[in-house]
Amino acid sequence: LLYNKVQFSTSSLGSATNKFPTINFNSQIGSHIEIKHDERFNFNKDQDFSIYFTLNPKKFNNQTPDSEKRYIIAKSGTKTIVNSGSHSQNVDSEPHFPYEVYMISQSLYFERSDGETTFSINGEITSSNTSLRTSHIQLQNSASVMQLYFDGNLIASTTDGDGGIGTSAVGSTFIIGSYGDDTVQGKGRFFNGDIGNINIWSKAYNQTQITNISESINGSPYIGNLFYRNGFA
């Protein structure tokens, strides 16, 4: 797990005595988090999964969020293997499909590909130049329906193919705050702002659970720990 030029702090969420943790990404210095290929981040076309995080996009050079793709999460369609000569190379991974989360201007985009068709949804999460704030974002694939939740409310969903991931060129990594390869034309730039409480689950949630997640301190769908005299649950 590589943390590259990021800063850890607390956000405006939570109570005065229990703030939400957050990670600051600075697009000017290439802040990002990189995780090598891991099967836990792979999801088949018909597999339910859910991604949750808190998000506070910041202005770029004190300007209104621009029209560049500012990547929040990007997952590869390849993995790295080491052959008998101790040389590594990128190869196509097993039949699990890449997904991307990014912002353009005031809208958030969620896309995934099955190698042939790209499925895409988007929704506006900042209404104006002055309304940038920390928000709860949850994206999920539920029974092959992609959904985008903003502060616990469903703002977009689709089952139609539309978008442009095509063949992922991220290499063998799972990237937070960037696409992972700035040499790929049209793949956008580093994210600028705060991302916190990143959770990835291999299941989808119902509306009540999503509301609970958006109101919890640590992004968990559970109330907390119950402590007993002889242990805890």
C-alpha atoms as a PDB file:
ATOM      1  CA  LEU A   1       0.000   0.000   0.000  1.00  0.00           C
ATOM      2  CA  LEU A   2       1.673   3.210  -1.211  1.00  0.00           C
ATOM      3  CA  TYR A   3       0.671   6.600   0.180  1.00  0.00           C
ATOM      4  CA  ASN A   4       2.182   9.195  -2.147  1.00  0.00           C
ATOM      5  CA  LYS A   5       2.241  12.843  -0.989  1.00  0.00           C
ATOM      6  CA  VAL A   6      -1.056  12.722   0.912  1.00  0.00           C
ATOM      7  CA  GLN A   7      -1.910  14.341   4.253  1.00  0.00           C
ATOM      8  CA  PHE A   8      -4.079  12.891   7.027  1.00  0.00           C
ATOM      9  CA  SER A   9      -6.487  15.109   8.949  1.00  0.00           C
ATOM     10  CA  THR A  10     -10.082  15.353  10.175  1.00  0.00           C
ATOM     11  CA  SER A  11     -13.053  16.641   8.219  1.00  0.00           C
ATOM     12  CA  SER A  12     -15.971  18.885   9.113  1.00  0.00           C
ATOM     13  CA  LEU A  13     -18.185  15.818   9.687  1.00  0.00           C
ATOM     14  CA  GLY A  14     -18.853  14.174  13.033  1.00  0.00           C
ATOM     15  CA  SER A  15     -19.236  15.760  16.457  1.00  0.00           C
ATOM     16  CA  ALA A  16     -16.964  18.261  18.198  1.00  0.00           C
ATOM     17  CA  THR A  17     -15.279  15.394  20.060  1.00  0.00           C
ATOM     18  CA  ASN A  18     -15.391  12.722  17.346  1.00  0.00           C
ATOM     19  CA  LYS A  19     -14.441  14.049  13.899  1.00  0.00           C
ATOM     20  CA  PHE A  20     -14.486  11.977  10.717  1.00  0.00           C
ATOM     21  CA  PRO A  21     -10.975  11.127   9.505  1.00  0.00           C
ATOM     22  CA  THR A  22     -10.028  12.214   5.994  1.00  0.00           C
ATOM     23  CA  ILE A  23      -7.113  12.184   3.556  1.00  0.00           C
ATOM     24  CA  ASN A  24      -6.109  15.295   1.625  1.00  0.00           C
ATOM     25  CA  PHE A  25      -5.110  14.937  -2.040  1.00  0.00           C
ATOM     26  CA  ASN A  26      -3.212  17.784  -3.727  1.00  0.00           C
ATOM     27  CA  SER A  27      -3.445  17.671  -7.528  1.00  0.00           C
ATOM     28  CA  GLN A  28      -0.484  20.025  -7.871  1.00  0.00           C
ATOM     29  CA  ILE A  29       1.966  17.497  -6.386  1.00  0.00           C
ATOM     30  CA  GLY A  30       0.382  14.259  -7.655  1.00  0.00           C
ATOM     31  CA  SER A  31      -1.134  12.934  -4.410  1.00  0.00           C
ATOM     32  CA  HIS A  32      -2.535   9.411  -4.691  1.00  0.00           C
ATOM     33  CA  ILE A  33      -2.796   6.026  -2.983  1.00  0.00           C
ATOM     34  CA  GLU A  34      -1.759   2.930  -4.899  1.00  0.00           C
ATOM     35  CA  ILE A  35      -2.575  -0.716  -4.177  1.00  0.00           C
ATOM     36  CA  LYS A  36      -1.177  -3.539  -6.293  1.00  0.00           C
ATOM     37  CA  HIS A  37      -3.527  -6.059  -7.903  1.00  0.00           C
ATOM     38  CA  ASP A  38      -5.702  -7.728  -5.259  1.00  0.00           C
ATOM     39  CA  GLU A  39      -8.494 -10.229  -5.968  1.00  0.00           C
ATOM     40  CA  ARG A  40     -10.643  -8.591  -3.281  1.00  0.00           C
ATOM     41  CA  PHE A  41     -11.181  -5.594  -5.566  1.00  0.00           C
ATOM     42  CA  ASN A  42     -12.386  -7.750  -8.487  1.00  0.00           C
ATOM     43  CA  PHE A  43     -16.109  -8.008  -9.205  1.00  0.00           C
ATOM     44  CA  ASN A  44     -17.762 -10.010 -11.960  1.00  0.00           C
ATOM     45  CA  LYS A  45     -20.432  -8.534 -14.200  1.00  0.00           C
ATOM     46  CA  ASP A  46     -23.334 -10.015 -12.237  1.00  0.00           C
ATOM     47  CA  GLN A  47     -21.746  -9.623  -8.784  1.00  0.00           C
ATOM     48  CA  ASP A  48     -23.104  -7.111  -6.282  1.00  0.00           C
ATOM     49  CA  PHE A  49     -20.652  -4.663  -4.735  1.00  0.00           C
ATOM     50  CA  SER A  50     -20.725  -1.270  -3.051  1.00  0.00           C
ATOM     51  CA  ILE A  51     -18.199   1.558  -2.661  1.00  0.00           C
ATOM     52  CA  TYR A  52     -18.603   4.255  -0.018  1.00  0.00           C
ATOM     53  CA  PHE A  53     -16.503   7.312   0.823  1.00  0.00           C
ATOM     54  CA  THR A  54     -16.802  10.868   2.072  1.00  0.00           C
ATOM     55  CA  LEU A  55     -15.761  13.484  -0.463  1.00  0.00           C
ATOM     56  CA  ASN A  56     -14.890  17.158  -0.345  1.00  0.00           C
ATOM     57  CA  PRO A  57     -13.606  18.399  -3.729  1.00  0.00           C
ATOM     58  CA  LYS A  58     -11.482  21.555  -3.599  1.00  0.00           C
ATOM     59  CA  LYS A  59     -11.065  24.285  -6.158  1.00  0.00           C
ATOM     60  CA  PHE A  60      -8.142  23.937  -8.568  1.00  0.00           C
ATOM     61  CA  ASN A  61      -5.854  26.981  -8.422  1.00  0.00           C
ATOM     62  CA  ASN A  62      -8.677  28.811  -6.618  1.00  0.00           C
ATOM     63  CA  GLN A  63     -10.904  28.383  -9.678  1.00  0.00           C
ATOM     64  CA  THR A  64     -14.246  26.664 -10.184  1.00  0.00           C
ATOM     65  CA  PRO A  65     -13.837  22.840 -10.559  1.00  0.00           C
ATOM     66  CA  ASP A  66     -12.724  22.381 -14.152  1.00  0.00           C
ATOM     67  CA  SER A  67     -13.726  20.120 -17.033  1.00  0.00           C
ATOM     68  CA  GLU A  68     -10.818  17.669 -16.572  1.00  0.00           C
ATOM     69  CA  LYS A  69     -11.494  14.133 -15.362  1.00  0.00           C
ATOM     70  CA  ARG A  70     -10.397  14.178 -11.701  1.00  0.00           C
ATOM     71  CA  TYR A  71     -10.151  10.508 -10.750  1.00  0.00           C
ATOM     72  CA  ILE A  72     -11.248   9.405  -7.273  1.00  0.00           C
ATOM     73  CA  ILE A  73     -10.992   5.611  -7.727  1.00  0.00           C
ATOM     74  CA  ALA A  74      -9.728   3.621 -10.713  1.00  0.00           C
ATOM     75  CA  LYS A  75      -9.407  -0.175 -10.796  1.00  0.00           C
ATOM     76  CA  SER A  76      -7.295  -1.997 -13.381  1.00  0.00           C
ATOM     77  CA  GLY A  77      -8.240  -4.650 -15.903  1.00  0.00           C
ATOM     78  CA  THR A  78      -4.746  -6.196 -15.804  1.00  0.00           C
ATOM     79  CA  LYS A  79      -2.400  -7.622 -13.191  1.00  0.00           C
ATOM     80  CA  THR A  80       1.354  -8.079 -12.778  1.00  0.00           C
ATOM     81  CA  ILE A  81       2.984 -11.517 -12.876  1.00  0.00           C
ATOM     82  CA  VAL A  82       6.592 -12.508 -12.271  1.00  0.00           C
ATOM     83  CA  ASN A  83       8.025 -15.131 -14.636  1.00  0.00           C
ATOM     84  CA  SER A  84      10.829 -17.608 -14.002  1.00  0.00           C
ATOM     85  CA  GLY A  85      13.461 -15.003 -14.849  1.00  0.00           C
ATOM     86  CA  SER A  86      12.203 -12.701 -12.081  1.00  0.00           C
ATOM     87  CA  HIS A  87      10.904 -10.255 -14.663  1.00  0.00           C
ATOM     88  CA  SER A  88       7.446  -8.776 -14.173  1.00  0.00           C
ATOM     89  CA  GLN A  89       4.912  -8.105 -16.891  1.00  0.00           C
ATOM     90  CA  ASN A  90       1.302  -6.941 -17.177  1.00  0.00           C
ATOM     91  CA  VAL A  91      -1.233  -9.475 -18.434  1.00  0.00           C
ATOM     92  CA  ASP A  92      -5.023  -9.528 -18.686  1.00  0.00           C
ATOM     93  CA  SER A  93      -6.560 -10.458 -15.360  1.00  0.00           C
ATOM     94  CA  GLU A  94      -9.238 -13.087 -14.797  1.00  0.00           C
ATOM     95  CA  PRO A  95     -12.819 -12.219 -15.904  1.00  0.00           C
ATOM     96  CA  HIS A  96     -13.298  -9.391 -13.432  1.00  0.00           C
ATOM     97  CA  PHE A  97     -14.023  -5.957 -14.755  1.00  0.00           C
ATOM     98  CA  PRO A  98     -12.541  -2.490 -14.265  1.00  0.00           C
ATOM     99  CA  TYR A  99     -14.476   0.391 -12.722  1.00  0.00           C
ATOM    100  CA  GLU A 100     -13.805   4.092 -12.418  1.00  0.00           C
ATOM    101  CA  VAL A 101     -15.092   6.937 -10.245  1.00  0.00           C
ATOM    102  CA  TYR A 102     -14.226  10.479 -11.242  1.00  0.00           C
ATOM    103  CA  MET A 103     -15.466  14.073 -11.222  1.00  0.00           C
ATOM    104  CA  ILE A 104     -15.910  16.472 -14.121  1.00  0.00           C
ATOM    105  CA  SER A 105     -16.774  19.984 -12.996  1.00  0.00           C
ATOM    106  CA  GLN A 106     -19.658  19.586 -10.492  1.00  0.00           C
ATOM    107  CA  SER A 107     -20.701  16.026 -11.419  1.00  0.00           C
ATOM    108  CA  LEU A 108     -19.581  12.606 -10.180  1.00  0.00           C
ATOM    109  CA  TYR A 109     -19.291   9.700 -12.659  1.00  0.00           C
ATOM    110  CA  PHE A 110     -19.359   5.951 -11.957  1.00  0.00           C
ATOM    111  CA  GLU A 111     -18.401   3.628 -14.830  1.00  0.00           C
ATOM    112  CA  ARG A 112     -17.609  -0.052 -15.239  1.00  0.00           C
ATOM    113  CA  SER A 113     -16.835  -2.281 -18.213  1.00  0.00           C
ATOM    114  CA  ASP A 114     -17.309  -5.964 -19.051  1.00  0.00           C
ATOM    115  CA  GLY A 115     -14.706  -5.776 -21.800  1.00  0.00           C
ATOM    116  CA  GLU A 116     -17.295  -5.057 -24.489  1.00  0.00           C
ATOM    117  CA  THR A 117     -19.826  -2.628 -23.040  1.00  0.00           C
ATOM    118  CA  THR A 118     -19.237   0.251 -20.649  1.00  0.00           C
ATOM    119  CA  PHE A 119     -21.994   1.128 -18.187  1.00  0.00           C
ATOM    120  CA  SER A 120     -22.034   4.694 -16.885  1.00  0.00           C
ATOM    121  CA  ILE A 121     -24.080   6.876 -14.531  1.00  0.00           C
ATOM    122  CA  ASN A 122     -23.499  10.380 -13.219  1.00  0.00           C
ATOM    123  CA  GLY A 123     -25.081  12.977 -10.978  1.00  0.00           C
ATOM    124  CA  GLU A 124     -24.390  16.517  -9.858  1.00  0.00           C
ATOM    125  CA  ILE A 125     -23.030  16.688  -6.307  1.00  0.00           C
ATOM    126  CA  THR A 126     -22.042  20.373  -6.097  1.00  0.00           C
ATOM    127  CA  SER A 127     -24.593  22.964  -7.107  1.00  0.00           C
ATOM    128  CA  SER A 128     -22.338  25.995  -7.459  1.00  0.00           C
ATOM    129  CA  ASN A 129     -18.847  27.372  -7.024  1.00  0.00           C
ATOM    130  CA  THR A 130     -19.587  28.245  -3.405  1.00  0.00           C
ATOM    131  CA  SER A 131     -21.203  24.983  -2.259  1.00  0.00           C
ATOM    132  CA  LEU A 132     -18.203  22.629  -2.155  1.00  0.00           C
ATOM    133  CA  ARG A 133     -18.556  20.616   1.057  1.00  0.00           C
ATOM    134  CA  THR A 134     -17.989  17.188   2.527  1.00  0.00           C
ATOM    135  CA  SER A 135     -20.589  14.729   1.221  1.00  0.00           C
ATOM    136  CA  HIS A 136     -21.406  11.040   1.651  1.00  0.00           C
ATOM    137  CA  ILE A 137     -21.064   9.106  -1.617  1.00  0.00           C
ATOM    138  CA  GLN A 138     -22.159   5.503  -2.154  1.00  0.00           C
ATOM    139  CA  LEU A 139     -21.908   3.703  -5.494  1.00  0.00           C
ATOM    140  CA  GLN A 140     -23.118   0.167  -5.993  1.00  0.00           C
ATOM    141  CA  ASN A 141     -24.004  -2.553  -8.437  1.00  0.00           C
ATOM    142  CA  SER A 142     -27.186  -4.204  -7.196  1.00  0.00           C
ATOM    143  CA  ALA A 143     -28.663  -7.061  -9.263  1.00  0.00           C
ATOM    144  CA  SER A 144     -26.847  -5.607 -12.321  1.00  0.00           C
ATOM    145  CA  VAL A 145     -28.298  -2.133 -11.673  1.00  0.00           C
ATOM    146  CA  MET A 146     -25.719   0.593 -11.066  1.00  0.00           C
ATOM    147  CA  GLN A 147     -26.722   3.177  -8.463  1.00  0.00           C
ATOM    148  CA  LEU A 148     -25.303   6.496  -7.238  1.00  0.00           C
ATOM    149  CA  TYR A 149     -26.280   7.785  -3.786  1.00  0.00           C
ATOM    150  CA  PHE A 150     -25.507  11.305  -2.558  1.00  0.00           C
ATOM    151  CA  ASP A 151     -25.901  11.891   1.206  1.00  0.00           C
ATOM    152  CA  GLY A 152     -28.014   8.733   1.423  1.00  0.00           C
ATOM    153  CA  ASN A 153     -30.333   9.702  -1.461  1.00  0.00           C
ATOM    154  CA  LEU A 154     -30.454   7.902  -4.825  1.00  0.00           C
ATOM    155  CA  ILE A 155     -29.667  10.436  -7.569  1.00  0.00           C
ATOM    156  CA  ALA A 156     -28.844   8.185 -10.556  1.00  0.00           C
ATOM    157  CA  SER A 157     -29.234   4.580 -11.708  1.00  0.00           C
ATOM    158  CA  THR A 158     -29.074   2.660 -14.972  1.00  0.00           C
ATOM    159  CA  THR A 159     -28.702  -0.728 -16.633  1.00  0.00           C
ATOM    160  CA  ASP A 160     -27.877   0.711 -20.062  1.00  0.00           C
ATOM    161  CA  GLY A 161     -24.440   0.612 -21.684  1.00  0.00           C
ATOM    162  CA  ASP A 162     -23.014   4.097 -22.167  1.00  0.00           C
ATOM    163  CA  GLY A 163     -19.544   5.480 -21.543  1.00  0.00           C
ATOM    164  CA  GLY A 164     -15.932   4.931 -22.431  1.00  0.00           C
ATOM    165  CA  ILE A 165     -13.718   2.851 -20.149  1.00  0.00           C
ATOM    166  CA  GLY A 166     -13.170   0.296 -22.915  1.00  0.00           C
ATOM    167  CA  THR A 167      -9.868  -1.419 -22.138  1.00  0.00           C
ATOM    168  CA  SER A 168      -8.434  -0.275 -18.831  1.00  0.00           C
ATOM    169  CA  ALA A 169      -4.855   0.972 -19.027  1.00  0.00           C
ATOM    170  CA  VAL A 170      -4.255   1.453 -15.311  1.00  0.00           C
ATOM    171  CA  GLY A 171      -1.649  -1.315 -15.289  1.00  0.00           C
ATOM    172  CA  SER A 172      -1.834  -3.620 -12.289  1.00  0.00           C
ATOM    173  CA  THR A 173      -3.004  -1.182  -9.657  1.00  0.00           C
ATOM    174  CA  PHE A 174      -6.002   0.045  -7.715  1.00  0.00           C
ATOM    175  CA  ILE A 175      -5.616   3.824  -7.496  1.00  0.00           C
ATOM    176  CA  ILE A 176      -7.253   6.392  -5.207  1.00  0.00           C
ATOM    177  CA  GLY A 177      -6.925  10.025  -6.254  1.00  0.00           C
ATOM    178  CA  SER A 178      -5.625   9.403  -9.786  1.00  0.00           C
ATOM    179  CA  TYR A 179      -6.045   7.262 -12.891  1.00  0.00           C
ATOM    180  CA  GLY A 180      -2.594   5.786 -12.386  1.00  0.00           C
ATOM    181  CA  ASP A 181      -1.018   6.601 -15.749  1.00  0.00           C
ATOM    182  CA  ASP A 182      -1.014  10.242 -16.859  1.00  0.00           C
ATOM    183  CA  THR A 183       0.545   9.224 -20.197  1.00  0.00           C
ATOM    184  CA  VAL A 184      -2.794   7.756 -21.319  1.00  0.00           C
ATOM    185  CA  GLN A 185      -4.476  10.416 -23.421  1.00  0.00           C
ATOM    186  CA  GLY A 186      -7.827  11.635 -22.170  1.00  0.00           C
ATOM    187  CA  LYS A 187      -7.567   9.865 -18.817  1.00  0.00           C
ATOM    188  CA  GLY A 188      -7.650  13.019 -16.730  1.00  0.00           C
ATOM    189  CA  ARG A 189      -5.683  14.365 -13.839  1.00  0.00           C
ATOM    190  CA  PHE A 190      -5.138  13.949 -10.121  1.00  0.00           C
ATOM    191  CA  PHE A 191      -8.003  14.651  -7.728  1.00  0.00           C
ATOM    192  CA  ASN A 192      -7.864  17.772  -5.573  1.00  0.00           C
ATOM    193  CA  GLY A 193      -9.587  17.655  -2.192  1.00  0.00           C
ATOM    194  CA  ASP A 194     -10.416  15.315   0.676  1.00  0.00           C
ATOM    195  CA  ILE A 195     -11.438  11.646   0.499  1.00  0.00           C
ATOM    196  CA  GLY A 196     -12.217   9.738   3.685  1.00  0.00           C
ATOM    197  CA  ASN A 197     -13.802   6.613   5.178  1.00  0.00           C
ATOM    198  CA  ILE A 198     -13.276   4.510   2.046  1.00  0.00           C
ATOM    199  CA  ASN A 199     -15.236   1.252   2.284  1.00  0.00           C
ATOM    200  CA  ILE A 200     -15.603  -1.424  -0.402  1.00  0.00           C
ATOM    201  CA  TRP A 201     -18.063  -4.278   0.172  1.00  0.00           C
ATOM    202  CA  SER A 202     -18.805  -7.378  -1.912  1.00  0.00           C
ATOM    203  CA  LYS A 203     -22.549  -6.842  -1.464  1.00  0.00           C
ATOM    204  CA  ALA A 204     -25.220  -4.216  -2.117  1.00  0.00           C
ATOM    205  CA  TYR A 205     -27.323  -2.451   0.522  1.00  0.00           C
ATOM    206  CA  ASN A 206     -30.963  -1.392   0.780  1.00  0.00           C
ATOM    207  CA  GLN A 207     -32.149   2.181   1.305  1.00  0.00           C
ATOM    208  CA  THR A 208     -32.366   1.915   5.105  1.00  0.00           C
ATOM    209  CA  GLN A 209     -28.824   0.575   5.359  1.00  0.00           C
ATOM    210  CA  ILE A 210     -27.501   3.232   2.987  1.00  0.00           C
ATOM    211  CA  THR A 211     -29.124   5.931   5.113  1.00  0.00           C
ATOM    212  CA  ASN A 212     -27.481   4.441   8.217  1.00  0.00           C
ATOM    213  CA  ILE A 213     -24.084   4.353   6.480  1.00  0.00           C
ATOM    214  CA  SER A 214     -24.382   8.012   5.456  1.00  0.00           C
ATOM    215  CA  GLU A 215     -25.125   8.991   9.057  1.00  0.00           C
ATOM    216  CA  SER A 216     -22.484   6.881  10.808  1.00  0.00           C
ATOM    217  CA  ILE A 217     -19.135   8.046  12.178  1.00  0.00           C
ATOM    218  CA  ASN A 218     -16.977   5.512  10.303  1.00  0.00           C
ATOM    219  CA  GLY A 219     -19.076   4.658   7.239  1.00  0.00           C
ATOM    220  CA  SER A 220     -20.254   1.375   8.743  1.00  0.00           C
ATOM    221  CA  PRO A 221     -23.757  -0.085   8.246  1.00  0.00           C
ATOM    222  CA  TYR A 222     -23.550  -1.466  11.807  1.00  0.00           C
ATOM    223  CA  ILE A 223     -24.419   0.301  15.052  1.00  0.00           C
ATOM    224  CA  GLY A 224     -21.163  -0.621  16.810  1.00  0.00           C
ATOM    225  CA  ASN A 225     -19.597  -3.092  19.238  1.00  0.00           C
ATOM    226  CA  LEU A 226     -21.477  -4.723  22.118  1.00  0.00           C
ATOM    227  CA  PHE A 227     -19.149  -5.470  25.029  1.00  0.00           C
ATOM    228  CA  TYR A 228     -19.900  -8.305  27.463  1.00  0.00           C
ATOM    229  CA  ARG A 229     -18.315  -9.528  30.679  1.00  0.00           C
ATOM    230  CA  ASN A 230     -16.647 -12.424  28.811  1.00  0.00           C
ATOM    231  CA  GLY A 231     -15.897 -10.870  25.431  1.00  0.00           C
ATOM    232  CA  PHE A 232     -17.537  -8.765  22.760  1.00  0.00           C
ATOM    233  CA  ALA A 233     -19.514  -9.071  19.514  1.00  0.00           C
END
